[in-house]
Amino acid sequence: MHKLTALTAALALATGAVAQSPYVVVPQGMETSYAGNTGLTWRNTAFRYQMIYDTTHFLDQGIDYPITMTRLQFRAINGSTSVGGETYTGTTITMSSSPSDWATTSTDFATNVGTDVVTVFSGDVVCTPASGSTPNDWIIDITLQTPFVYDPTSGLDLCLDVTAPFAPAPTGVPNMAASSNATHLARRNSTATPTAATGALSYFASVVKIDFTPPGDLASVTPYGAGCNDTSLSYYENLGVQLWDLSGTAGSPNSLRMTPAGSGYSVTPGSNGWFTPTSADLALGDDTLSAVQPLGFTFPYPGGSTTDVLVCSNGFVWLDAAQTAATFAGDPTRLLGEAPRLAPLWHDMDPSVGGTVQFDVDPSGTAAYVTWTNVPRFGVATSLNTCQVALYADGSVEYRYEVCDVGPGLIGFSVGGGSNDPGSTDISAALPFVTVADQYPLTLATTNRPRVNATFNMELRNVVPTAVVAGVNFGFAPQTPALDLAFIGAPTCELLAGIALSVPVAVTGSTVPLSLNIPNDPTLNNVHLFSQAFTFATGVNQGGILFSNGLDLGFGLN
């Protein structure tokens, strides 16, 4: 373990630059993405809802201390637009540490409210415009009139309770980005009757951005920015509620082709062809899988192969015929974490009320086709989708689209199993592009907090095998704006911290531990250092250098 004792002198000179107000997004992992959407939190009617978020959403993001929450923001789903100005008159918001765990949230509102309940806001909530971007805008922004102190180490989950006694004027508030299932560790209890004692439970809890202030003498670590050398075999695009830009027309399809290339796929515009299905309808119901469908050939894909597939009514195909999930919400977490899957148009479709889903093997015996024809979006019988996926014996794939009036969902591919997350890609704008085997970004992490008169432990993670030299830069301010390092041959890398001191570190493996001895000096309380790691490694880029994310290190007495 490396001792960064050279920093002692630098710490003595630090001026304590103040960091920007920290924030946390719950559920975790949804700062720029989401798994579901809901119009049943901030409704276009009067309402009351509670949302319960598990303590791990805070603890897993390094918040293992009491925080004072000062601001709440809610994001509209991608692709939704609104002019803003919608006003919820007389809204009341309370927050508390809930005696109900998120998994056992009660339908009784009173049961979920903790003894430390605080009315944090009372007044009018006004929506700001939604541009329809990806990710979309935080259209509800509430500064708390009375801050709420929450301690995730208490074991009690966070309860956010909102009552709006009147429908917004005007109506037209977009659906909100949300979680969608139990893996997201969040629960909603809601009703359209603000005075009701009980509501209905759902896993669709809004994504919330929470500004907070840590205790004044508390040591803290706030990651910012991202490391480079981040590559992914998977790709996906989150879809909003709009006519999708890859949609074709009846009789004139648009298509996307995935051709094996190295360790991944070359993704290009496709042939715009169409196979007219002749097989019987699979007679799928809502949220269901077909029986095992034999391809008639071995289909190779990155990291594996299969001779059989399963077809889901919700616009995806399992390449692992042992799967049982027919999840209706296109979810990046599931795409990346579960089994290999082709997702030509994964969203909530319901062939039980219309349309057909068919599986055909080409007469040549070298291709197979899955076709969804005029299948409506769940609950919207007039929102029809016609698409097709073609699998070829050489490992190529085509996603083909006629009219696709999609709802929220995604298109993409992943071998799953915990694959690296590339983030949502605007596919039509990115074409052509190539996916490659997963590589994870150089990451600077910590295993404890930087307390005065203690040893602070850090780790440099995902060090590539060709690295020969590593180091950590420390400065008294972040590099603002971040400096793009393409000019030194390191595209996608950024300089994130000023450099007052650079400490070399010997490379001992893919994970390199290092430590900082913080002196017993009370004047270091609230001093901030900004750090970023780097490695020199052959073959990673023209400059042979990689940089990590940044860390804002707030030194404290506790």
Protein backbone atom coordinates (compact mmCIF):
# COMPACT_ATOMS: atom_id res chain seq x y z
CA MET A 1 0.00 0.00 0.00
CA HIS A 2 1.35 3.42 -0.97
CA LYS A 3 1.66 6.16 1.63
CA LEU A 4 0.97 9.60 0.18
CA THR A 5 2.80 11.38 2.99
CA ALA A 6 4.03 14.03 0.54
CA LEU A 7 0.53 15.48 0.71
CA THR A 8 0.94 16.57 4.33
CA ALA A 9 2.75 19.74 3.32
CA ALA A 10 0.27 20.43 0.55
CA LEU A 11 -2.63 20.08 2.96
CA ALA A 12 -1.08 22.67 5.22
CA LEU A 13 -1.20 25.16 2.35
CA ALA A 14 -4.78 24.40 1.30
CA THR A 15 -7.23 27.29 1.26
CA GLY A 16 -10.37 25.20 1.59
CA ALA A 17 -12.05 25.86 -1.73
CA VAL A 18 -15.78 25.25 -1.30
CA ALA A 19 -17.33 22.46 -3.36
CA GLN A 20 -20.60 22.84 -5.23
CA SER A 21 -23.74 21.76 -3.38
CA PRO A 22 -23.83 17.96 -3.48
CA TYR A 23 -26.88 16.04 -4.61
CA VAL A 24 -28.10 12.46 -4.81
CA VAL A 25 -30.46 10.86 -7.32
CA VAL A 26 -32.85 8.12 -6.20
CA PRO A 27 -33.32 5.41 -7.29
CA GLN A 28 -29.58 5.12 -7.76
CA GLY A 29 -28.28 4.70 -11.29
CA MET A 30 -31.02 6.85 -12.82
CA GLU A 31 -29.38 10.27 -12.94
CA THR A 32 -29.53 10.28 -16.75
CA SER A 33 -31.74 7.23 -17.43
CA TYR A 34 -34.88 5.60 -16.12
CA ALA A 35 -36.64 2.26 -16.26
CA GLY A 36 -40.31 3.23 -16.32
CA ASN A 37 -42.59 6.23 -16.50
CA THR A 38 -45.58 7.34 -14.50
CA GLY A 39 -48.39 9.84 -14.72
CA LEU A 40 -49.57 8.85 -11.26
CA THR A 41 -47.20 10.90 -9.13
CA TRP A 42 -47.47 14.45 -10.53
CA ARG A 43 -50.86 13.80 -12.11
CA ASN A 44 -53.12 15.87 -14.31
CA THR A 45 -55.71 15.56 -11.54
CA ALA A 46 -55.69 16.19 -7.82
CA PHE A 47 -53.70 13.55 -5.92
CA ARG A 48 -51.79 12.31 -2.94
CA TYR A 49 -48.79 10.06 -3.22
CA GLN A 50 -46.03 8.70 -1.02
CA MET A 51 -42.76 7.31 -2.33
CA ILE A 52 -40.51 5.15 -0.15
CA TYR A 53 -36.82 4.85 -1.11
CA ASP A 54 -34.52 2.26 0.42
CA THR A 55 -31.55 3.40 2.53
CA THR A 56 -29.17 1.68 0.08
CA HIS A 57 -29.85 4.39 -2.50
CA PHE A 58 -27.89 6.68 -0.18
CA LEU A 59 -25.42 4.28 1.42
CA ASP A 60 -24.32 2.82 -1.91
CA GLN A 61 -23.59 6.34 -3.14
CA GLY A 62 -21.29 7.06 -0.21
CA ILE A 63 -23.79 8.87 2.00
CA ASP A 64 -23.25 7.14 5.33
CA TYR A 65 -24.01 10.19 7.47
CA PRO A 66 -26.95 12.53 8.20
CA ILE A 67 -27.73 14.98 5.40
CA THR A 68 -29.90 18.09 5.33
CA MET A 69 -32.13 17.94 2.26
CA THR A 70 -32.81 21.33 0.69
CA ARG A 71 -34.25 20.82 -2.81
CA LEU A 72 -36.26 18.28 -4.85
CA GLN A 73 -36.38 17.91 -8.63
CA PHE A 74 -38.42 15.60 -10.86
CA ARG A 75 -37.60 14.75 -14.51
CA ALA A 76 -40.01 14.30 -17.40
CA ILE A 77 -39.60 11.19 -19.55
CA ASN A 78 -37.50 11.43 -22.69
CA GLY A 79 -39.26 12.78 -25.76
CA SER A 80 -42.10 14.48 -23.87
CA THR A 81 -42.55 18.18 -24.45
CA SER A 82 -44.58 20.77 -22.58
CA VAL A 83 -44.66 24.54 -22.52
CA GLY A 84 -44.48 24.77 -18.72
CA GLY A 85 -46.52 26.94 -16.43
CA GLU A 86 -48.74 24.11 -15.19
CA THR A 87 -49.45 25.01 -11.56
CA TYR A 88 -50.42 22.78 -8.64
CA THR A 89 -52.09 25.18 -6.21
CA GLY A 90 -51.84 24.61 -2.47
CA THR A 91 -49.43 21.69 -2.59
CA THR A 92 -48.15 20.23 0.69
CA ILE A 93 -44.98 18.13 0.92
CA THR A 94 -43.78 16.28 3.99
CA MET A 95 -40.71 14.10 4.47
CA SER A 96 -39.94 11.56 7.15
CA SER A 97 -37.93 8.45 8.03
CA SER A 98 -40.52 5.78 7.36
CA PRO A 99 -41.25 2.96 9.82
CA SER A 100 -42.35 0.99 6.72
CA ASP A 101 -39.64 -0.66 4.66
CA TRP A 102 -39.94 0.05 0.92
CA ALA A 103 -40.73 -3.64 0.34
CA THR A 104 -43.59 -3.65 2.86
CA THR A 105 -45.01 -0.20 2.16
CA SER A 106 -48.55 0.04 3.48
CA THR A 107 -51.55 1.20 1.47
CA ASP A 108 -52.45 3.21 4.61
CA PHE A 109 -50.77 6.60 4.26
CA ALA A 110 -50.49 7.21 8.02
CA THR A 111 -48.65 3.92 8.58
CA ASN A 112 -45.77 5.01 6.33
CA VAL A 113 -45.17 8.37 8.03
CA GLY A 114 -42.28 8.54 10.52
CA THR A 115 -42.20 10.30 13.88
CA ASP A 116 -39.66 12.83 12.54
CA VAL A 117 -42.11 14.06 9.88
CA VAL A 118 -41.51 17.63 8.68
CA THR A 119 -43.65 19.77 6.39
CA VAL A 120 -40.92 20.85 4.01
CA PHE A 121 -43.08 22.81 1.55
CA SER A 122 -46.50 24.40 1.39
CA GLY A 123 -47.59 26.48 -1.57
CA ASP A 124 -47.84 26.43 -5.36
CA VAL A 125 -45.67 24.16 -7.50
CA VAL A 126 -45.10 25.47 -11.03
CA CYS A 127 -43.75 23.24 -13.81
CA THR A 128 -41.01 24.47 -16.11
CA PRO A 129 -40.89 23.54 -19.83
CA ALA A 130 -39.91 20.06 -21.01
CA SER A 131 -37.81 20.22 -24.18
CA GLY A 132 -38.12 16.54 -25.07
CA SER A 133 -34.38 15.97 -24.83
CA THR A 134 -32.59 12.76 -23.76
CA PRO A 135 -32.33 12.85 -20.82
CA ASN A 136 -35.26 15.21 -20.51
CA ASP A 137 -35.46 18.27 -18.25
CA TRP A 138 -36.09 18.40 -14.51
CA ILE A 139 -39.45 20.14 -14.91
CA ILE A 140 -40.49 20.27 -11.25
CA ASP A 141 -38.00 22.09 -9.05
CA ILE A 142 -38.88 22.70 -5.40
CA THR A 143 -36.69 24.51 -2.90
CA LEU A 144 -37.68 23.26 0.54
CA GLN A 145 -38.97 25.94 2.86
CA THR A 146 -37.97 23.79 5.82
CA PRO A 147 -35.01 21.46 5.21
CA PHE A 148 -35.28 17.84 6.27
CA VAL A 149 -32.49 15.97 8.05
CA TYR A 150 -32.26 12.33 6.98
CA ASP A 151 -29.83 9.73 8.30
CA PRO A 152 -29.64 6.64 6.06
CA THR A 153 -27.62 4.80 8.71
CA SER A 154 -30.75 4.76 10.92
CA GLY A 155 -32.10 1.81 8.92
CA LEU A 156 -35.29 3.72 8.11
CA ASP A 157 -36.19 4.36 4.47
CA LEU A 158 -37.00 7.82 3.15
CA CYS A 159 -40.69 8.73 2.81
CA LEU A 160 -41.63 11.57 0.45
CA ASP A 161 -45.32 12.52 0.81
CA VAL A 162 -47.00 14.97 -1.61
CA THR A 163 -50.61 16.19 -1.61
CA ALA A 164 -52.07 18.41 -4.34
CA PRO A 165 -55.72 19.22 -3.59
CA PHE A 166 -56.41 20.60 -7.09
CA ALA A 167 -55.64 19.50 -10.62
CA PRO A 168 -52.90 21.54 -12.30
CA ALA A 169 -53.97 24.50 -14.37
CA PRO A 170 -53.52 24.13 -17.23
CA THR A 171 -53.24 20.35 -17.51
CA GLY A 172 -50.64 18.76 -19.77
CA VAL A 173 -47.95 17.74 -17.28
CA PRO A 174 -45.78 15.02 -18.91
CA ASN A 175 -45.21 11.61 -17.36
CA MET A 176 -42.28 11.44 -14.98
CA ALA A 177 -39.18 9.25 -15.20
CA ALA A 178 -39.54 6.41 -12.72
CA SER A 179 -38.43 3.04 -11.48
CA SER A 180 -40.44 0.05 -12.66
CA ASN A 181 -39.89 -3.08 -10.60
CA ALA A 182 -38.79 -4.51 -7.27
CA THR A 183 -35.09 -4.55 -8.22
CA HIS A 184 -35.11 -0.74 -7.97
CA LEU A 185 -35.91 -0.82 -4.22
CA ALA A 186 -38.58 1.90 -4.30
CA ARG A 187 -42.36 1.86 -3.83
CA ARG A 188 -45.24 4.26 -4.46
CA ASN A 189 -48.58 4.58 -2.66
CA SER A 190 -50.96 6.90 -4.50
CA THR A 191 -54.53 8.01 -5.06
CA ALA A 192 -56.46 10.61 -7.08
CA THR A 193 -58.43 11.47 -3.92
CA PRO A 194 -56.24 13.80 -1.81
CA THR A 195 -58.23 13.21 1.39
CA ALA A 196 -58.27 9.41 1.11
CA ALA A 197 -56.71 7.42 3.95
CA THR A 198 -55.38 4.73 1.64
CA GLY A 199 -53.89 4.45 -1.82
CA ALA A 200 -52.71 1.84 -4.31
CA LEU A 201 -49.19 0.40 -4.36
CA SER A 202 -46.85 0.40 -7.36
CA TYR A 203 -43.15 0.00 -8.12
CA PHE A 204 -43.32 3.10 -10.35
CA ALA A 205 -41.73 5.68 -8.05
CA SER A 206 -40.45 8.91 -9.57
CA VAL A 207 -36.77 9.57 -10.15
CA VAL A 208 -35.89 12.37 -7.72
CA LYS A 209 -32.81 14.56 -7.55
CA ILE A 210 -32.19 15.73 -3.97
CA ASP A 211 -29.83 18.58 -3.11
CA PHE A 212 -28.39 18.33 0.37
CA THR A 213 -25.89 19.81 2.78
CA PRO A 214 -23.61 17.49 4.76
CA PRO A 215 -22.78 18.29 8.40
CA GLY A 216 -20.24 21.11 8.71
CA ASP A 217 -17.51 18.99 10.33
CA LEU A 218 -18.18 15.78 8.43
CA ALA A 219 -15.60 14.34 6.07
CA SER A 220 -17.07 13.62 2.64
CA VAL A 221 -16.22 12.21 -0.77
CA THR A 222 -18.11 13.42 -3.85
CA PRO A 223 -17.28 11.76 -7.20
CA TYR A 224 -17.64 13.86 -10.33
CA GLY A 225 -16.94 13.40 -14.01
CA ALA A 226 -16.01 10.04 -15.52
CA GLY A 227 -12.92 8.10 -16.46
CA CYS A 228 -12.01 7.24 -20.04
CA ASN A 229 -11.41 3.93 -21.86
CA ASP A 230 -15.06 3.10 -21.26
CA THR A 231 -16.27 0.78 -24.04
CA SER A 232 -19.30 -1.45 -24.30
CA LEU A 233 -20.41 -4.43 -26.33
CA SER A 234 -24.02 -3.44 -25.63
CA TYR A 235 -25.94 -0.52 -27.03
CA TYR A 236 -29.42 0.87 -26.52
CA GLU A 237 -31.62 3.90 -27.01
CA ASN A 238 -34.24 4.95 -24.49
CA LEU A 239 -37.44 5.80 -26.34
CA GLY A 240 -39.94 8.45 -25.35
CA VAL A 241 -43.58 8.92 -26.26
CA GLN A 242 -43.20 9.99 -29.86
CA LEU A 243 -43.22 8.68 -33.42
CA TRP A 244 -39.80 7.12 -33.42
CA ASP A 245 -37.25 8.44 -35.93
CA LEU A 246 -36.31 4.94 -37.18
CA SER A 247 -39.93 4.17 -37.97
CA GLY A 248 -40.75 3.45 -41.61
CA THR A 249 -44.12 3.34 -43.28
CA ALA A 250 -46.51 0.57 -44.31
CA GLY A 251 -44.87 -1.26 -47.21
CA SER A 252 -41.69 0.85 -46.94
CA PRO A 253 -39.67 -0.33 -43.93
CA ASN A 254 -36.61 1.25 -42.40
CA SER A 255 -33.97 -1.04 -40.93
CA LEU A 256 -30.84 -1.35 -38.82
CA ARG A 257 -28.19 -4.02 -39.44
CA MET A 258 -25.81 -5.57 -36.92
CA THR A 259 -22.87 -7.33 -38.61
CA PRO A 260 -20.29 -9.27 -36.55
CA ALA A 261 -17.07 -7.24 -36.36
CA GLY A 262 -14.22 -8.24 -34.07
CA SER A 263 -15.53 -8.68 -30.56
CA GLY A 264 -18.81 -6.87 -31.25
CA TYR A 265 -21.07 -5.56 -33.99
CA SER A 266 -20.80 -3.04 -36.78
CA VAL A 267 -24.16 -1.25 -36.62
CA THR A 268 -25.21 0.33 -39.92
CA PRO A 269 -28.34 1.22 -41.89
CA GLY A 270 -29.96 -2.02 -43.03
CA SER A 271 -31.37 -3.36 -46.30
CA ASN A 272 -34.86 -1.94 -45.68
CA GLY A 273 -36.14 -5.34 -46.75
CA TRP A 274 -39.09 -7.19 -45.27
CA PHE A 275 -40.00 -10.86 -44.98
CA THR A 276 -43.73 -11.43 -45.28
CA PRO A 277 -44.59 -13.92 -42.54
CA THR A 278 -46.56 -17.04 -43.45
CA SER A 279 -46.63 -18.86 -40.12
CA ALA A 280 -49.53 -19.04 -37.71
CA ASP A 281 -49.91 -16.36 -35.06
CA LEU A 282 -48.09 -17.36 -31.85
CA ALA A 283 -51.23 -16.22 -30.00
CA LEU A 284 -49.25 -14.42 -27.31
CA GLY A 285 -51.09 -12.66 -24.52
CA ASP A 286 -50.11 -9.53 -22.66
CA ASP A 287 -46.60 -9.81 -21.14
CA THR A 288 -46.03 -13.39 -22.29
CA LEU A 289 -43.33 -15.55 -23.89
CA SER A 290 -43.70 -18.02 -26.73
CA ALA A 291 -42.73 -21.64 -26.56
CA VAL A 292 -39.15 -22.42 -27.60
CA GLN A 293 -38.71 -21.60 -31.31
CA PRO A 294 -36.03 -23.65 -33.17
CA LEU A 295 -34.02 -21.54 -35.62
CA GLY A 296 -32.96 -24.46 -37.80
CA PHE A 297 -29.32 -23.34 -37.64
CA THR A 298 -26.75 -22.24 -35.07
CA PHE A 299 -26.88 -18.49 -34.56
CA PRO A 300 -23.56 -17.06 -33.27
CA TYR A 301 -23.49 -13.85 -31.26
CA PRO A 302 -20.69 -12.15 -29.31
CA GLY A 303 -19.72 -14.49 -26.51
CA GLY A 304 -22.06 -17.34 -27.38
CA SER A 305 -24.41 -19.08 -29.78
CA THR A 306 -27.90 -20.58 -29.80
CA THR A 307 -30.13 -22.83 -31.87
CA ASP A 308 -33.39 -21.73 -30.19
CA VAL A 309 -35.04 -18.46 -29.17
CA LEU A 310 -37.99 -17.26 -27.12
CA VAL A 311 -40.26 -14.51 -28.43
CA CYS A 312 -41.77 -11.94 -26.05
CA SER A 313 -44.99 -10.09 -26.76
CA ASN A 314 -43.20 -6.93 -25.62
CA GLY A 315 -40.88 -6.66 -28.60
CA PHE A 316 -37.76 -8.59 -27.66
CA VAL A 317 -36.20 -12.00 -28.28
CA TRP A 318 -34.31 -14.08 -25.73
CA LEU A 319 -31.20 -15.80 -27.11
CA ASP A 320 -31.27 -18.04 -24.02
CA ALA A 321 -34.24 -20.39 -24.30
CA ALA A 322 -34.24 -21.05 -20.54
CA GLN A 323 -35.51 -17.57 -19.66
CA THR A 324 -38.96 -16.94 -18.17
CA ALA A 325 -39.24 -13.14 -17.85
CA ALA A 326 -41.63 -11.22 -20.13
CA THR A 327 -40.97 -7.78 -18.63
CA PHE A 328 -43.11 -5.08 -20.20
CA ALA A 329 -40.91 -2.03 -19.54
CA GLY A 330 -37.79 -1.54 -21.66
CA ASP A 331 -35.23 -1.36 -18.89
CA PRO A 332 -31.47 -0.76 -19.38
CA THR A 333 -30.73 -2.41 -16.03
CA ARG A 334 -32.45 -5.61 -17.11
CA LEU A 335 -31.02 -5.45 -20.63
CA LEU A 336 -27.47 -5.27 -19.25
CA GLY A 337 -27.94 -7.53 -16.25
CA GLU A 338 -29.98 -10.48 -17.47
CA ALA A 339 -29.45 -12.98 -20.32
CA PRO A 340 -28.49 -12.29 -23.98
CA ARG A 341 -31.33 -10.47 -25.70
CA LEU A 342 -32.22 -8.83 -29.01
CA ALA A 343 -34.51 -5.87 -28.36
CA PRO A 344 -35.82 -4.48 -31.66
CA LEU A 345 -38.66 -2.57 -29.93
CA TRP A 346 -38.91 -3.45 -26.25
CA HIS A 347 -41.90 -1.72 -24.75
CA ASP A 348 -45.34 -2.53 -23.38
CA MET A 349 -47.25 -4.09 -26.29
CA ASP A 350 -50.42 -6.13 -25.94
CA PRO A 351 -51.20 -8.60 -28.75
CA SER A 352 -54.11 -9.98 -26.72
CA VAL A 353 -56.25 -7.06 -27.97
CA GLY A 354 -54.97 -6.85 -31.54
CA GLY A 355 -52.27 -7.63 -34.06
CA THR A 356 -50.15 -10.73 -34.50
CA VAL A 357 -46.74 -12.06 -33.45
CA GLN A 358 -45.22 -14.66 -35.80
CA PHE A 359 -42.05 -16.75 -36.04
CA ASP A 360 -40.83 -17.96 -39.44
CA VAL A 361 -37.81 -19.87 -40.70
CA ASP A 362 -36.67 -18.75 -44.15
CA PRO A 363 -37.04 -21.40 -46.88
CA SER A 364 -33.27 -21.16 -47.38
CA GLY A 365 -32.73 -22.47 -43.86
CA THR A 366 -30.20 -19.68 -43.19
CA ALA A 367 -32.46 -17.06 -41.62
CA ALA A 368 -35.33 -16.76 -39.15
CA TYR A 369 -37.77 -13.94 -38.57
CA VAL A 370 -39.88 -12.65 -35.70
CA THR A 371 -42.60 -10.22 -36.77
CA TRP A 372 -44.90 -8.07 -34.65
CA THR A 373 -47.70 -6.75 -36.89
CA ASN A 374 -50.05 -3.95 -35.81
CA VAL A 375 -49.58 -4.79 -32.13
CA PRO A 376 -50.99 -1.98 -29.97
CA ARG A 377 -49.31 -0.35 -27.03
CA PHE A 378 -50.87 -1.53 -23.76
CA GLY A 379 -53.97 0.52 -23.00
CA VAL A 380 -53.78 2.52 -26.25
CA ALA A 381 -55.53 0.48 -28.92
CA THR A 382 -54.81 3.03 -31.67
CA SER A 383 -51.03 3.11 -31.03
CA LEU A 384 -49.92 0.32 -33.40
CA ASN A 385 -46.45 -1.10 -33.98
CA THR A 386 -45.14 -3.23 -36.85
CA CYS A 387 -41.55 -4.41 -36.66
CA GLN A 388 -39.39 -7.43 -37.46
CA VAL A 389 -36.09 -8.95 -36.41
CA ALA A 390 -34.16 -11.13 -38.84
CA LEU A 391 -31.48 -13.54 -37.55
CA TYR A 392 -28.97 -14.93 -40.04
CA ALA A 393 -26.76 -18.01 -39.79
CA ASP A 394 -23.64 -15.84 -40.24
CA GLY A 395 -24.46 -13.97 -37.00
CA SER A 396 -25.89 -10.87 -38.64
CA VAL A 397 -29.13 -9.31 -37.39
CA GLU A 398 -31.56 -6.83 -38.89
CA TYR A 399 -34.10 -4.79 -36.97
CA ARG A 400 -36.84 -3.71 -39.39
CA TYR A 401 -39.57 -1.13 -38.81
CA GLU A 402 -42.73 -0.19 -40.61
CA VAL A 403 -45.06 2.12 -38.64
CA CYS A 404 -43.99 2.18 -34.98
CA ASP A 405 -45.99 4.51 -32.74
CA VAL A 406 -43.97 3.51 -29.70
CA GLY A 407 -44.45 4.27 -26.07
CA PRO A 408 -41.62 4.50 -23.53
CA GLY A 409 -39.17 1.65 -24.00
CA LEU A 410 -35.87 0.90 -25.69
CA ILE A 411 -34.16 -0.64 -28.68
CA GLY A 412 -30.81 -2.37 -28.34
CA PHE A 413 -28.73 -5.47 -27.79
CA SER A 414 -26.78 -6.94 -24.88
CA VAL A 415 -25.31 -10.26 -23.84
CA GLY A 416 -26.35 -9.28 -20.30
CA GLY A 417 -24.64 -10.81 -17.31
CA GLY A 418 -23.67 -7.44 -15.85
CA SER A 419 -22.49 -5.86 -19.09
CA ASN A 420 -20.99 -2.38 -19.10
CA ASP A 421 -23.54 0.42 -19.49
CA PRO A 422 -22.79 2.67 -22.49
CA GLY A 423 -25.67 5.03 -21.73
CA SER A 424 -28.51 5.76 -24.10
CA THR A 425 -27.44 6.43 -27.71
CA ASP A 426 -29.40 8.36 -30.34
CA ILE A 427 -29.03 5.51 -32.81
CA SER A 428 -30.15 7.31 -35.96
CA ALA A 429 -27.69 10.12 -35.27
CA ALA A 430 -24.83 7.77 -34.33
CA LEU A 431 -24.97 5.46 -37.35
CA PRO A 432 -22.68 3.87 -38.36
CA PHE A 433 -20.96 2.79 -35.14
CA VAL A 434 -19.12 -0.24 -33.79
CA THR A 435 -19.51 -1.97 -30.44
CA VAL A 436 -16.51 -3.70 -28.87
CA ALA A 437 -15.86 -5.90 -25.85
CA ASP A 438 -16.58 -4.29 -22.50
CA GLN A 439 -13.81 -2.21 -20.98
CA TYR A 440 -14.42 -0.32 -17.78
CA PRO A 441 -13.17 3.22 -17.21
CA LEU A 442 -10.20 3.99 -15.01
CA THR A 443 -11.83 4.73 -11.66
CA LEU A 444 -10.60 6.49 -8.54
CA ALA A 445 -12.61 5.26 -5.56
CA THR A 446 -12.46 5.40 -1.76
CA THR A 447 -13.15 2.90 0.97
CA ASN A 448 -13.62 5.39 3.81
CA ARG A 449 -13.94 9.15 4.37
CA PRO A 450 -11.05 11.63 4.76
CA ARG A 451 -11.13 12.31 8.51
CA VAL A 452 -8.58 14.51 10.23
CA ASN A 453 -5.98 12.52 12.22
CA ALA A 454 -6.77 9.28 10.39
CA THR A 455 -5.66 7.20 7.43
CA PHE A 456 -7.73 7.78 4.32
CA ASN A 457 -7.84 4.82 1.92
CA MET A 458 -8.28 5.10 -1.83
CA GLU A 459 -8.21 2.64 -4.74
CA LEU A 460 -7.33 3.00 -8.36
CA ARG A 461 -9.57 0.48 -10.15
CA ASN A 462 -9.78 -0.97 -13.67
CA VAL A 463 -6.08 -0.44 -14.32
CA VAL A 464 -5.38 -1.95 -17.76
CA PRO A 465 -2.78 -4.76 -18.03
CA THR A 466 -0.50 -2.63 -20.22
CA ALA A 467 -0.20 0.15 -17.62
CA VAL A 468 3.41 0.81 -16.61
CA VAL A 469 3.04 3.99 -14.53
CA ALA A 470 0.18 5.40 -12.49
CA GLY A 471 -0.33 8.43 -10.32
CA VAL A 472 -2.80 10.70 -8.59
CA ASN A 473 -3.08 14.44 -9.12
CA PHE A 474 -4.28 16.70 -6.31
CA GLY A 475 -5.40 20.31 -6.58
CA PHE A 476 -7.26 22.90 -4.56
CA ALA A 477 -9.97 23.46 -7.20
CA PRO A 478 -11.67 21.41 -9.89
CA GLN A 479 -10.69 22.01 -13.49
CA THR A 480 -13.63 24.12 -14.69
CA PRO A 481 -14.62 23.57 -17.39
CA ALA A 482 -13.13 20.10 -17.78
CA LEU A 483 -10.28 20.09 -20.30
CA ASP A 484 -10.72 17.79 -23.29
CA LEU A 485 -7.46 15.88 -23.70
CA ALA A 486 -7.89 14.81 -27.33
CA PHE A 487 -5.08 17.24 -28.21
CA ILE A 488 -2.58 14.99 -26.42
CA GLY A 489 -3.91 11.85 -28.09
CA ALA A 490 -6.38 10.90 -25.35
CA PRO A 491 -9.87 11.30 -26.85
CA THR A 492 -12.80 10.92 -24.42
CA CYS A 493 -10.40 11.74 -21.55
CA GLU A 494 -10.75 14.95 -19.55
CA LEU A 495 -8.62 16.80 -17.01
CA LEU A 496 -10.99 17.23 -14.05
CA ALA A 497 -8.78 18.57 -11.23
CA GLY A 498 -6.22 21.30 -10.90
CA ILE A 499 -2.71 20.02 -10.28
CA ALA A 500 -0.92 21.31 -7.20
CA LEU A 501 0.80 17.99 -6.58
CA SER A 502 1.22 14.78 -8.58
CA VAL A 503 2.05 11.61 -6.68
CA PRO A 504 3.41 8.57 -8.60
CA VAL A 505 2.03 5.15 -7.69
CA ALA A 506 3.56 1.78 -8.59
CA VAL A 507 1.25 -0.43 -10.65
CA THR A 508 0.69 -3.72 -8.81
CA GLY A 509 -2.40 -5.07 -10.58
CA SER A 510 -5.82 -4.10 -11.89
CA THR A 511 -6.66 -2.58 -8.49
CA VAL A 512 -4.05 -0.42 -6.78
CA PRO A 513 -4.62 0.58 -3.12
CA LEU A 514 -3.13 3.77 -1.77
CA SER A 515 -3.49 5.74 1.43
CA LEU A 516 -3.24 9.29 2.68
CA ASN A 517 -2.16 10.05 6.25
CA ILE A 518 -4.18 13.12 7.26
CA PRO A 519 -2.40 15.06 10.05
CA ASN A 520 -3.98 15.96 13.37
CA ASP A 521 -4.71 19.56 12.41
CA PRO A 522 -8.24 20.89 13.22
CA THR A 523 -7.79 23.73 10.72
CA LEU A 524 -8.12 21.14 7.96
CA ASN A 525 -11.83 20.82 8.80
CA ASN A 526 -13.86 21.78 5.68
CA VAL A 527 -10.76 21.95 3.48
CA HIS A 528 -11.33 20.43 0.03
CA LEU A 529 -8.87 18.73 -2.28
CA PHE A 530 -9.77 17.64 -5.80
CA SER A 531 -8.11 14.49 -7.06
CA GLN A 532 -7.85 12.50 -10.28
CA ALA A 533 -5.82 9.41 -11.17
CA PHE A 534 -3.97 8.65 -14.39
CA THR A 535 -2.04 5.79 -15.96
CA PHE A 536 0.44 5.55 -18.80
CA ALA A 537 -0.42 2.42 -20.78
CA THR A 538 0.54 1.20 -24.21
CA GLY A 539 -2.12 0.63 -26.85
CA VAL A 540 -4.99 2.43 -25.16
CA ASN A 541 -4.89 5.52 -27.39
CA GLN A 542 -2.41 7.59 -29.38
CA GLY A 543 -1.11 9.38 -26.30
CA GLY A 544 -0.87 6.20 -24.23
CA ILE A 545 -2.54 7.83 -21.22
CA LEU A 546 -5.83 7.34 -19.40
CA PHE A 547 -7.53 9.48 -16.76
CA SER A 548 -10.06 8.58 -14.07
CA ASN A 549 -13.12 10.32 -12.70
CA GLY A 550 -12.57 13.12 -10.20
CA LEU A 551 -13.10 13.09 -6.44
CA ASP A 552 -13.95 16.09 -4.29
CA LEU A 553 -12.37 15.23 -0.94
CA GLY A 554 -13.87 17.21 1.91
CA PHE A 555 -11.72 16.82 5.05
CA GLY A 556 -13.59 16.77 8.35
CA LEU A 557 -13.28 16.04 12.04
CA ASN A 558 -15.90 13.28 11.99
